[in-house]
Amino acid sequence: MKHKWEIGDRCSPVDGDWTGRVIAIRPDTLVVKDEDGFIDEYAMDELVPLGPLDIRKPVGKPSPPKPKGKQNMPVLDLHAEKLPACRKMPADMILECQLEELRLFLGRMKRDKVPRFGIIHGKGKGVLRGEVIRMLKAQGFKNFRDESIDGGSLLVERH
């Protein structure tokens, strides 16, 4: 049975790593505002509806607290399987798609004057990492460093 979407419905992507609310409905797509306040458009089959918010006490072990200073830090994971727009693309177009997602993300970070954010590019052969660094510099982000020991992500700070 296909869900009949309405404005205000809670939703999550099929892979389930964030939640949001439907703020507009277009033919075959939904405009969603996520818990960090970012607005994006998704195909209806990329999202699943969530039930009403349950305010009862959670059952089981509570999740561990996030490290201090990173509670609300936005992070963009550039792995193709994490980006809805890039998931079904042919291999020769994935890098271009990842860079477009990065460009949009950096635009939001600038617009919203976000002081600190992360970018996960993965290890691989370093092609994507090099392009991420090039784009950061081109857009005026000068203060960034490896976030992980293995070099798979960058922490960007605006000072």
N, C-alpha and C. Protein backbone atom coordinates (compact mmCIF):
# COMPACT_ATOMS: atom_id res chain seq x y z
N MET A 1 0.84 -1.18 0.00
CA MET A 1 0.00 0.00 0.00
C MET A 1 0.89 1.25 0.00
N LYS A 2 0.62 2.14 -0.91
CA LYS A 2 1.39 3.36 -1.03
C LYS A 2 0.88 4.41 -0.05
N HIS A 3 1.82 5.10 0.61
CA HIS A 3 1.45 6.11 1.60
C HIS A 3 0.93 7.36 0.91
N LYS A 4 -0.14 7.94 1.44
CA LYS A 4 -0.66 9.21 0.93
C LYS A 4 -0.01 10.32 1.76
N TRP A 5 0.95 10.99 1.16
CA TRP A 5 1.74 12.00 1.86
C TRP A 5 0.92 13.26 2.08
N GLU A 6 1.13 13.87 3.25
CA GLU A 6 0.52 15.15 3.58
C GLU A 6 1.58 16.07 4.16
N ILE A 7 1.36 17.35 4.01
CA ILE A 7 2.28 18.33 4.60
C ILE A 7 2.27 18.13 6.11
N GLY A 8 3.47 18.11 6.69
CA GLY A 8 3.61 17.90 8.13
C GLY A 8 3.94 16.47 8.50
N ASP A 9 3.83 15.52 7.56
CA ASP A 9 4.17 14.12 7.85
C ASP A 9 5.65 14.02 8.24
N ARG A 10 5.92 13.21 9.27
CA ARG A 10 7.30 12.90 9.62
C ARG A 10 7.80 11.82 8.67
N CYS A 11 9.08 11.88 8.31
CA CYS A 11 9.62 10.91 7.37
C CYS A 11 11.10 10.69 7.62
N SER A 12 11.62 9.68 6.98
CA SER A 12 13.03 9.33 7.03
C SER A 12 13.38 8.71 5.69
N PRO A 13 14.65 8.80 5.27
CA PRO A 13 15.02 8.11 4.04
C PRO A 13 14.96 6.60 4.25
N VAL A 14 14.91 5.88 3.17
CA VAL A 14 14.82 4.43 3.24
C VAL A 14 15.97 3.86 4.08
N ASP A 15 17.18 4.45 3.97
CA ASP A 15 18.30 3.95 4.76
C ASP A 15 18.27 4.44 6.21
N GLY A 16 17.37 5.38 6.53
CA GLY A 16 17.05 5.74 7.90
C GLY A 16 18.08 6.46 8.74
N ASP A 17 18.93 7.34 8.18
CA ASP A 17 19.93 7.99 9.02
C ASP A 17 19.56 9.40 9.47
N TRP A 18 18.37 9.89 9.16
CA TRP A 18 17.88 11.18 9.66
C TRP A 18 16.36 11.20 9.59
N THR A 19 15.76 12.22 10.22
CA THR A 19 14.31 12.38 10.14
C THR A 19 13.99 13.81 9.73
N GLY A 20 12.80 14.01 9.23
CA GLY A 20 12.38 15.34 8.82
C GLY A 20 10.87 15.41 8.71
N ARG A 21 10.38 16.56 8.22
CA ARG A 21 8.95 16.77 8.02
C ARG A 21 8.72 17.25 6.59
N VAL A 22 7.64 16.78 6.00
CA VAL A 22 7.25 17.19 4.65
C VAL A 22 6.73 18.63 4.74
N ILE A 23 7.31 19.53 3.92
CA ILE A 23 6.85 20.92 3.93
C ILE A 23 6.16 21.31 2.62
N ALA A 24 6.33 20.49 1.59
CA ALA A 24 5.65 20.74 0.31
C ALA A 24 5.58 19.43 -0.47
N ILE A 25 4.54 19.32 -1.29
CA ILE A 25 4.36 18.13 -2.11
C ILE A 25 4.28 18.57 -3.56
N ARG A 26 5.14 17.96 -4.37
CA ARG A 26 5.15 18.24 -5.81
C ARG A 26 4.90 16.93 -6.54
N PRO A 27 4.59 16.97 -7.81
CA PRO A 27 4.37 15.71 -8.53
C PRO A 27 5.61 14.81 -8.42
N ASP A 28 5.46 13.64 -7.85
CA ASP A 28 6.50 12.62 -7.70
C ASP A 28 7.63 12.98 -6.74
N THR A 29 7.60 14.16 -6.10
CA THR A 29 8.65 14.52 -5.15
C THR A 29 8.06 15.17 -3.90
N LEU A 30 8.84 15.10 -2.83
CA LEU A 30 8.48 15.73 -1.57
C LEU A 30 9.59 16.69 -1.18
N VAL A 31 9.22 17.85 -0.66
CA VAL A 31 10.18 18.80 -0.13
C VAL A 31 10.18 18.59 1.37
N VAL A 32 11.37 18.29 1.92
CA VAL A 32 11.49 17.90 3.32
C VAL A 32 12.46 18.82 4.05
N LYS A 33 12.06 19.22 5.26
CA LYS A 33 12.95 19.98 6.14
C LYS A 33 13.43 19.00 7.20
N ASP A 34 14.78 18.78 7.27
CA ASP A 34 15.30 17.81 8.23
C ASP A 34 15.48 18.41 9.61
N GLU A 35 15.91 17.59 10.57
CA GLU A 35 16.02 18.04 11.96
C GLU A 35 17.08 19.11 12.15
N ASP A 36 17.99 19.29 11.19
CA ASP A 36 18.99 20.35 11.26
C ASP A 36 18.52 21.63 10.56
N GLY A 37 17.32 21.60 9.99
CA GLY A 37 16.77 22.77 9.33
C GLY A 37 17.07 22.87 7.85
N PHE A 38 17.73 21.86 7.28
CA PHE A 38 18.04 21.88 5.85
C PHE A 38 16.84 21.40 5.05
N ILE A 39 16.64 22.01 3.89
CA ILE A 39 15.50 21.68 3.04
C ILE A 39 16.04 21.07 1.75
N ASP A 40 15.49 19.89 1.40
CA ASP A 40 15.88 19.21 0.17
C ASP A 40 14.65 18.55 -0.43
N GLU A 41 14.77 18.17 -1.70
CA GLU A 41 13.69 17.53 -2.43
C GLU A 41 14.06 16.07 -2.67
N TYR A 42 13.10 15.16 -2.46
CA TYR A 42 13.33 13.73 -2.61
C TYR A 42 12.21 13.09 -3.41
N ALA A 43 12.56 12.04 -4.13
CA ALA A 43 11.53 11.24 -4.80
C ALA A 43 10.72 10.53 -3.71
N MET A 44 9.44 10.36 -3.95
CA MET A 44 8.56 9.77 -2.92
C MET A 44 9.02 8.37 -2.51
N ASP A 45 9.61 7.61 -3.44
CA ASP A 45 10.04 6.25 -3.08
C ASP A 45 11.35 6.23 -2.32
N GLU A 46 12.00 7.39 -2.11
CA GLU A 46 13.23 7.45 -1.33
C GLU A 46 12.95 7.67 0.16
N LEU A 47 11.68 7.95 0.51
CA LEU A 47 11.32 8.25 1.89
C LEU A 47 10.29 7.27 2.42
N VAL A 48 10.33 7.08 3.73
CA VAL A 48 9.31 6.27 4.40
C VAL A 48 8.64 7.13 5.45
N PRO A 49 7.33 6.96 5.63
CA PRO A 49 6.64 7.74 6.65
C PRO A 49 6.97 7.21 8.04
N LEU A 50 6.98 8.11 9.01
CA LEU A 50 7.18 7.73 10.41
C LEU A 50 5.90 8.03 11.16
N GLY A 51 5.64 7.25 12.18
CA GLY A 51 4.44 7.46 12.99
C GLY A 51 4.57 8.74 13.80
N PRO A 52 3.52 9.07 14.55
CA PRO A 52 3.59 10.27 15.38
C PRO A 52 4.70 10.13 16.41
N LEU A 53 5.22 11.24 16.84
CA LEU A 53 6.31 11.26 17.81
C LEU A 53 5.86 10.61 19.11
N ASP A 54 6.62 9.62 19.58
CA ASP A 54 6.30 8.91 20.81
C ASP A 54 7.04 9.58 21.96
N ILE A 55 6.30 10.13 22.93
CA ILE A 55 6.93 10.87 24.01
C ILE A 55 7.08 10.04 25.28
N ARG A 56 6.79 8.74 25.18
CA ARG A 56 7.00 7.87 26.34
C ARG A 56 8.49 7.66 26.55
N LYS A 57 8.85 7.17 27.75
CA LYS A 57 10.26 6.91 28.05
C LYS A 57 10.76 5.81 27.12
N PRO A 58 12.00 5.94 26.64
CA PRO A 58 12.55 4.90 25.76
C PRO A 58 12.76 3.60 26.52
N VAL A 59 12.63 2.50 25.80
CA VAL A 59 12.85 1.19 26.39
C VAL A 59 14.27 0.76 26.03
N GLY A 60 14.97 0.15 26.96
CA GLY A 60 16.33 -0.32 26.69
C GLY A 60 17.37 0.71 27.09
N LYS A 61 18.61 0.44 26.65
CA LYS A 61 19.72 1.31 27.00
C LYS A 61 19.64 2.63 26.26
N PRO A 62 19.92 3.74 26.95
CA PRO A 62 19.96 5.02 26.23
C PRO A 62 21.21 5.08 25.35
N SER A 63 21.12 5.84 24.28
CA SER A 63 22.29 5.96 23.41
C SER A 63 23.34 6.82 24.09
N PRO A 64 24.63 6.57 23.80
CA PRO A 64 25.69 7.34 24.45
C PRO A 64 25.64 8.80 24.02
N PRO A 65 26.04 9.71 24.89
CA PRO A 65 26.02 11.13 24.51
C PRO A 65 27.05 11.41 23.43
N LYS A 66 26.76 12.41 22.60
CA LYS A 66 27.70 12.82 21.57
C LYS A 66 28.84 13.59 22.21
N PRO A 67 30.04 13.56 21.62
CA PRO A 67 31.15 14.32 22.18
C PRO A 67 30.81 15.81 22.23
N LYS A 68 31.28 16.48 23.24
CA LYS A 68 31.01 17.91 23.41
C LYS A 68 31.56 18.68 22.21
N GLY A 69 30.82 19.70 21.79
CA GLY A 69 31.26 20.54 20.67
C GLY A 69 30.79 20.04 19.31
N LYS A 70 30.26 18.82 19.24
CA LYS A 70 29.84 18.28 17.94
C LYS A 70 28.35 17.96 17.91
N GLN A 71 27.59 18.36 18.94
CA GLN A 71 26.19 17.99 19.02
C GLN A 71 25.40 18.36 17.77
N ASN A 72 25.52 19.57 17.31
CA ASN A 72 24.71 20.02 16.19
C ASN A 72 25.54 20.32 14.95
N MET A 73 26.69 19.73 14.86
CA MET A 73 27.57 19.99 13.73
C MET A 73 27.06 19.25 12.49
N PRO A 74 26.71 19.98 11.43
CA PRO A 74 26.28 19.31 10.19
C PRO A 74 27.44 18.53 9.57
N VAL A 75 27.13 17.38 9.01
CA VAL A 75 28.13 16.54 8.34
C VAL A 75 27.56 16.08 7.02
N LEU A 76 28.34 16.22 5.97
CA LEU A 76 27.96 15.72 4.65
C LEU A 76 28.77 14.47 4.36
N ASP A 77 28.09 13.35 4.16
CA ASP A 77 28.76 12.10 3.78
C ASP A 77 28.66 11.98 2.27
N LEU A 78 29.80 12.04 1.61
CA LEU A 78 29.84 12.02 0.14
C LEU A 78 29.89 10.62 -0.46
N HIS A 79 29.78 9.57 0.35
CA HIS A 79 29.70 8.24 -0.22
C HIS A 79 28.44 8.18 -1.10
N ALA A 80 28.58 7.69 -2.30
CA ALA A 80 27.49 7.71 -3.27
C ALA A 80 26.22 7.04 -2.75
N GLU A 81 26.37 5.96 -1.98
CA GLU A 81 25.18 5.27 -1.48
C GLU A 81 24.43 6.07 -0.42
N LYS A 82 25.07 7.10 0.14
CA LYS A 82 24.43 7.96 1.15
C LYS A 82 23.74 9.17 0.52
N LEU A 83 24.00 9.43 -0.75
CA LEU A 83 23.43 10.59 -1.43
C LEU A 83 22.31 10.12 -2.36
N PRO A 84 21.05 10.45 -2.03
CA PRO A 84 19.94 9.98 -2.86
C PRO A 84 20.10 10.34 -4.33
N ALA A 85 20.62 11.52 -4.62
CA ALA A 85 20.76 11.95 -6.02
C ALA A 85 21.79 11.13 -6.78
N CYS A 86 22.74 10.52 -6.08
CA CYS A 86 23.85 9.82 -6.74
C CYS A 86 23.69 8.30 -6.76
N ARG A 87 22.76 7.78 -5.98
CA ARG A 87 22.65 6.33 -5.80
C ARG A 87 22.49 5.54 -7.08
N LYS A 88 21.68 6.04 -8.00
CA LYS A 88 21.35 5.24 -9.19
C LYS A 88 22.09 5.72 -10.44
N MET A 89 23.14 6.49 -10.24
CA MET A 89 23.88 7.02 -11.39
C MET A 89 24.91 6.02 -11.89
N PRO A 90 25.25 6.12 -13.17
CA PRO A 90 26.34 5.28 -13.68
C PRO A 90 27.66 5.70 -13.03
N ALA A 91 28.59 4.78 -12.92
CA ALA A 91 29.85 5.01 -12.21
C ALA A 91 30.61 6.24 -12.73
N ASP A 92 30.55 6.48 -14.04
CA ASP A 92 31.32 7.59 -14.60
C ASP A 92 30.70 8.96 -14.29
N MET A 93 29.52 9.00 -13.68
CA MET A 93 28.88 10.27 -13.36
C MET A 93 28.82 10.53 -11.85
N ILE A 94 29.26 9.57 -11.04
CA ILE A 94 29.13 9.70 -9.58
C ILE A 94 29.97 10.85 -9.04
N LEU A 95 31.20 11.00 -9.47
CA LEU A 95 32.06 12.08 -8.96
C LEU A 95 31.42 13.44 -9.22
N GLU A 96 30.91 13.63 -10.42
CA GLU A 96 30.24 14.88 -10.75
C GLU A 96 29.04 15.15 -9.83
N CYS A 97 28.27 14.10 -9.55
CA CYS A 97 27.13 14.21 -8.66
C CYS A 97 27.58 14.54 -7.23
N GLN A 98 28.62 13.87 -6.75
CA GLN A 98 29.14 14.14 -5.41
C GLN A 98 29.60 15.59 -5.28
N LEU A 99 30.25 16.10 -6.31
CA LEU A 99 30.73 17.48 -6.27
C LEU A 99 29.58 18.48 -6.30
N GLU A 100 28.51 18.15 -7.00
CA GLU A 100 27.33 19.02 -7.00
C GLU A 100 26.69 19.04 -5.61
N GLU A 101 26.60 17.88 -4.96
CA GLU A 101 26.06 17.82 -3.59
C GLU A 101 26.95 18.63 -2.65
N LEU A 102 28.26 18.54 -2.82
CA LEU A 102 29.20 19.31 -2.00
C LEU A 102 29.00 20.81 -2.24
N ARG A 103 28.85 21.21 -3.49
CA ARG A 103 28.66 22.63 -3.80
C ARG A 103 27.40 23.16 -3.11
N LEU A 104 26.31 22.40 -3.17
CA LEU A 104 25.07 22.82 -2.51
C LEU A 104 25.24 22.90 -0.99
N PHE A 105 25.91 21.91 -0.42
CA PHE A 105 26.15 21.87 1.03
C PHE A 105 26.99 23.07 1.46
N LEU A 106 28.08 23.36 0.74
CA LEU A 106 28.93 24.50 1.10
C LEU A 106 28.16 25.81 0.98
N GLY A 107 27.28 25.90 -0.01
CA GLY A 107 26.43 27.09 -0.15
C GLY A 107 25.54 27.28 1.07
N ARG A 108 24.97 26.17 1.58
CA ARG A 108 24.13 26.27 2.78
C ARG A 108 24.97 26.64 4.00
N MET A 109 26.17 26.09 4.10
CA MET A 109 27.03 26.40 5.25
C MET A 109 27.40 27.89 5.26
N LYS A 110 27.69 28.43 4.06
CA LYS A 110 28.00 29.87 3.95
C LYS A 110 26.78 30.72 4.28
N ARG A 111 25.66 30.37 3.65
CA ARG A 111 24.42 31.13 3.84
C ARG A 111 24.01 31.18 5.30
N ASP A 112 24.10 30.03 5.98
CA ASP A 112 23.66 29.94 7.37
C ASP A 112 24.76 30.29 8.36
N LYS A 113 25.94 30.65 7.83
CA LYS A 113 27.08 31.03 8.68
C LYS A 113 27.38 29.97 9.74
N VAL A 114 27.37 28.72 9.31
CA VAL A 114 27.65 27.60 10.21
C VAL A 114 29.14 27.65 10.58
N PRO A 115 29.47 27.69 11.87
CA PRO A 115 30.86 27.87 12.28
C PRO A 115 31.74 26.64 12.10
N ARG A 116 31.12 25.46 12.08
CA ARG A 116 31.90 24.23 12.05
C ARG A 116 31.08 23.12 11.42
N PHE A 117 31.67 22.38 10.49
CA PHE A 117 30.96 21.27 9.86
C PHE A 117 31.96 20.23 9.36
N GLY A 118 31.44 19.04 9.08
CA GLY A 118 32.29 17.95 8.62
C GLY A 118 31.93 17.51 7.22
N ILE A 119 32.94 16.96 6.55
CA ILE A 119 32.74 16.39 5.21
C ILE A 119 33.43 15.03 5.21
N ILE A 120 32.65 13.99 4.94
CA ILE A 120 33.21 12.64 4.85
C ILE A 120 33.40 12.33 3.37
N HIS A 121 34.65 12.13 2.96
CA HIS A 121 34.94 11.84 1.56
C HIS A 121 35.39 10.40 1.36
N GLY A 122 35.73 9.71 2.44
CA GLY A 122 36.21 8.34 2.34
C GLY A 122 37.69 8.30 2.01
N LYS A 123 38.27 7.11 2.06
CA LYS A 123 39.70 6.98 1.81
C LYS A 123 39.99 6.82 0.33
N GLY A 124 39.60 5.73 -0.24
CA GLY A 124 39.77 5.51 -1.68
C GLY A 124 41.14 5.85 -2.22
N LYS A 125 41.16 6.39 -3.44
CA LYS A 125 42.41 6.75 -4.10
C LYS A 125 42.75 8.22 -3.94
N GLY A 126 41.90 8.98 -3.25
CA GLY A 126 42.19 10.38 -2.97
C GLY A 126 41.67 11.37 -4.00
N VAL A 127 41.01 10.89 -5.04
CA VAL A 127 40.49 11.78 -6.07
C VAL A 127 39.42 12.71 -5.49
N LEU A 128 38.44 12.13 -4.80
CA LEU A 128 37.37 12.94 -4.22
C LEU A 128 37.92 13.88 -3.15
N ARG A 129 38.84 13.40 -2.33
CA ARG A 129 39.45 14.25 -1.29
C ARG A 129 40.11 15.47 -1.92
N GLY A 130 40.84 15.25 -2.98
CA GLY A 130 41.50 16.36 -3.68
C GLY A 130 40.51 17.37 -4.23
N GLU A 131 39.42 16.88 -4.78
CA GLU A 131 38.39 17.77 -5.31
C GLU A 131 37.67 18.52 -4.19
N VAL A 132 37.45 17.86 -3.05
CA VAL A 132 36.81 18.52 -1.91
C VAL A 132 37.70 19.67 -1.43
N ILE A 133 38.99 19.41 -1.28
CA ILE A 133 39.92 20.44 -0.82
C ILE A 133 39.98 21.59 -1.82
N ARG A 134 40.02 21.27 -3.11
CA ARG A 134 40.04 22.31 -4.14
C ARG A 134 38.79 23.19 -4.03
N MET A 135 37.61 22.57 -3.85
CA MET A 135 36.37 23.33 -3.77
C MET A 135 36.30 24.16 -2.48
N LEU A 136 36.78 23.60 -1.39
CA LEU A 136 36.81 24.36 -0.13
C LEU A 136 37.63 25.63 -0.31
N LYS A 137 38.81 25.50 -0.88
CA LYS A 137 39.68 26.66 -1.08
C LYS A 137 39.04 27.66 -2.04
N ALA A 138 38.44 27.14 -3.11
CA ALA A 138 37.82 28.02 -4.11
C ALA A 138 36.66 28.82 -3.53
N GLN A 139 35.97 28.25 -2.54
CA GLN A 139 34.82 28.94 -1.94
C GLN A 139 35.20 29.70 -0.68
N GLY A 140 36.49 29.83 -0.41
CA GLY A 140 36.94 30.67 0.69
C GLY A 140 37.04 29.99 2.05
N PHE A 141 36.90 28.68 2.10
CA PHE A 141 37.07 27.96 3.36
C PHE A 141 38.55 27.60 3.48
N LYS A 142 39.25 28.27 4.36
CA LYS A 142 40.70 28.09 4.47
C LYS A 142 41.11 27.25 5.67
N ASN A 143 40.23 27.13 6.67
CA ASN A 143 40.59 26.45 7.91
C ASN A 143 39.93 25.07 7.96
N PHE A 144 40.65 24.04 7.51
CA PHE A 144 40.13 22.68 7.56
C PHE A 144 41.28 21.73 7.83
N ARG A 145 40.93 20.58 8.40
CA ARG A 145 41.95 19.59 8.74
C ARG A 145 41.33 18.20 8.71
N ASP A 146 42.20 17.18 8.65
CA ASP A 146 41.71 15.81 8.71
C ASP A 146 41.04 15.58 10.05
N GLU A 147 39.85 15.03 10.02
CA GLU A 147 39.10 14.75 11.24
C GLU A 147 39.42 13.36 11.77
N SER A 148 39.74 12.45 10.89
CA SER A 148 40.00 11.07 11.30
C SER A 148 41.46 10.71 11.06
N ILE A 149 41.93 9.74 11.80
CA ILE A 149 43.32 9.30 11.67
C ILE A 149 43.58 8.72 10.29
N ASP A 150 42.60 8.03 9.73
CA ASP A 150 42.79 7.40 8.43
C ASP A 150 42.61 8.36 7.25
N GLY A 151 42.26 9.62 7.52
CA GLY A 151 42.16 10.61 6.46
C GLY A 151 40.89 10.52 5.64
N GLY A 152 39.82 9.93 6.17
CA GLY A 152 38.58 9.78 5.41
C GLY A 152 37.59 10.91 5.56
N SER A 153 37.93 11.93 6.38
CA SER A 153 36.99 13.05 6.56
C SER A 153 37.75 14.32 6.94
N LEU A 154 37.07 15.44 6.73
CA LEU A 154 37.64 16.74 7.04
C LEU A 154 36.72 17.48 8.00
N LEU A 155 37.32 18.25 8.89
CA LEU A 155 36.60 19.14 9.78
C LEU A 155 36.87 20.56 9.28
N VAL A 156 35.83 21.31 9.01
CA VAL A 156 35.97 22.68 8.49
C VAL A 156 35.48 23.65 9.56
N GLU A 157 36.29 24.65 9.85
CA GLU A 157 35.92 25.67 10.84
C GLU A 157 36.04 27.04 10.19
N ARG A 158 35.08 27.90 10.49
CA ARG A 158 35.10 29.27 9.96
C ARG A 158 35.53 30.18 11.09
N HIS A 159 36.67 30.82 10.94
CA HIS A 159 37.15 31.78 11.95
C HIS A 159 37.39 33.11 11.31
